[in-house]
Protein backbone atom coordinates (compact mmCIF):
# COMPACT_ATOMS: atom_id res chain seq x y z
CA UNK A 1 -10.42 15.55 -14.09
CA UNK A 2 -12.32 17.09 -11.20
CA UNK A 3 -15.63 15.93 -12.69
CA UNK A 4 -14.63 12.25 -12.75
CA UNK A 5 -16.12 10.32 -9.80
CA UNK A 6 -12.71 8.70 -9.18
CA UNK A 7 -9.48 9.28 -7.32
CA UNK A 8 -7.33 11.95 -9.00
CA UNK A 9 -4.66 9.38 -9.94
CA UNK A 10 -7.22 7.21 -11.75
CA UNK A 11 -8.70 10.25 -13.50
CA UNK A 12 -5.26 11.33 -14.73
CA UNK A 13 -4.54 7.79 -15.91
CA UNK A 14 -7.78 7.74 -17.94
CA UNK A 15 -7.15 11.18 -19.44
CA UNK A 16 -3.59 10.22 -20.46
CA UNK A 17 -4.52 6.79 -21.89
CA UNK A 18 -5.28 7.92 -25.49
CA UNK A 19 -1.75 9.32 -25.76
CA UNK A 20 -0.41 5.77 -25.29
CA UNK A 21 -3.17 4.11 -27.37
CA UNK A 22 -4.36 1.90 -24.53
CA UNK A 23 -7.69 3.41 -23.44
CA UNK A 24 -9.53 0.08 -23.24
CA UNK A 25 -6.90 -1.47 -20.98
CA UNK A 26 -6.67 1.59 -18.75
CA UNK A 27 -10.45 1.71 -18.35
CA UNK A 28 -10.40 -1.96 -17.33
CA UNK A 29 -7.63 -1.31 -14.79
CA UNK A 30 -9.40 1.77 -13.40
CA UNK A 31 -12.59 -0.27 -13.03
CA UNK A 32 -10.70 -3.03 -11.18
CA UNK A 33 -9.14 -0.49 -8.82
CA UNK A 34 -12.54 1.10 -8.10
CA UNK A 35 -14.18 -2.02 -6.65
CA UNK A 36 -13.27 -4.60 -3.98
CA UNK A 37 -11.00 -7.49 -4.99
CA UNK A 38 -12.70 -9.68 -7.60
CA UNK A 39 -10.33 -12.63 -7.29
CA UNK A 40 -11.40 -15.36 -4.85
CA UNK A 41 -8.97 -17.53 -2.90
CA UNK A 42 -11.02 -20.10 -0.97
CA UNK A 43 -9.47 -21.27 2.31
CA UNK A 44 -10.20 -24.93 1.68
CA UNK A 45 -8.50 -24.85 -1.73
CA UNK A 46 -5.68 -22.31 -1.31
CA UNK A 47 -3.03 -24.50 -2.97
CA UNK A 48 -5.22 -25.20 -6.00
CA UNK A 49 -6.10 -21.50 -6.26
CA UNK A 50 -2.42 -20.51 -6.15
CA UNK A 51 -1.52 -23.08 -8.81
CA UNK A 52 -4.34 -21.90 -11.09
CA UNK A 53 -2.88 -18.37 -11.08
CA UNK A 54 0.27 -19.56 -12.80
CA UNK A 55 -0.80 -20.72 -16.28
CA UNK A 56 2.19 -22.29 -17.98
CA UNK A 57 4.39 -21.46 -15.01
CA UNK A 58 4.43 -17.70 -15.68
CA UNK A 59 2.43 -15.15 -13.68
CA UNK A 60 2.11 -11.86 -15.58
CA UNK A 61 0.59 -9.72 -12.84
CA UNK A 62 -2.80 -8.94 -11.38
CA UNK A 63 -3.78 -6.12 -13.73
CA UNK A 64 -2.59 -7.81 -16.89
CA UNK A 65 -4.49 -10.93 -15.81
CA UNK A 66 -7.57 -8.80 -15.16
CA UNK A 67 -7.36 -7.17 -18.57
CA UNK A 68 -6.95 -10.61 -20.15
CA UNK A 69 -9.98 -11.91 -18.25
CA UNK A 70 -11.97 -8.90 -19.40
CA UNK A 71 -11.01 -9.48 -23.03
CA UNK A 72 -12.02 -13.13 -22.82
CA UNK A 73 -15.30 -12.22 -21.14
CA UNK A 74 -16.05 -9.54 -23.76
CA UNK A 75 -15.33 -12.06 -26.51
CA UNK A 76 -12.48 -10.33 -28.31
CA UNK A 77 -9.12 -8.70 -28.08
CA UNK A 78 -8.52 -4.97 -27.67
CA UNK A 79 -5.57 -2.80 -28.63
CA UNK A 80 -2.08 -3.71 -27.46
CA UNK A 81 -0.68 -1.74 -24.56
CA UNK A 82 2.69 -2.08 -22.89
CA UNK A 83 1.79 -2.14 -19.20
């Protein structure tokens, strides 16, 4: 873990991911935590931005949404992981 260029908590999370069969999701979450916030909330459209975060009236969480966005962007689904 000392050779990973990440925080120790993220390194441990990545090393433990195969045990839970969710390596792809954990790598996506570690990548999201390693960069500045990727979600934009424009001041002039705050209400519309807030409403767009609740598809179908149910917000599942930032990291789950990020993993879902990554899967859509990559063009396919990955393994299931109970986050």
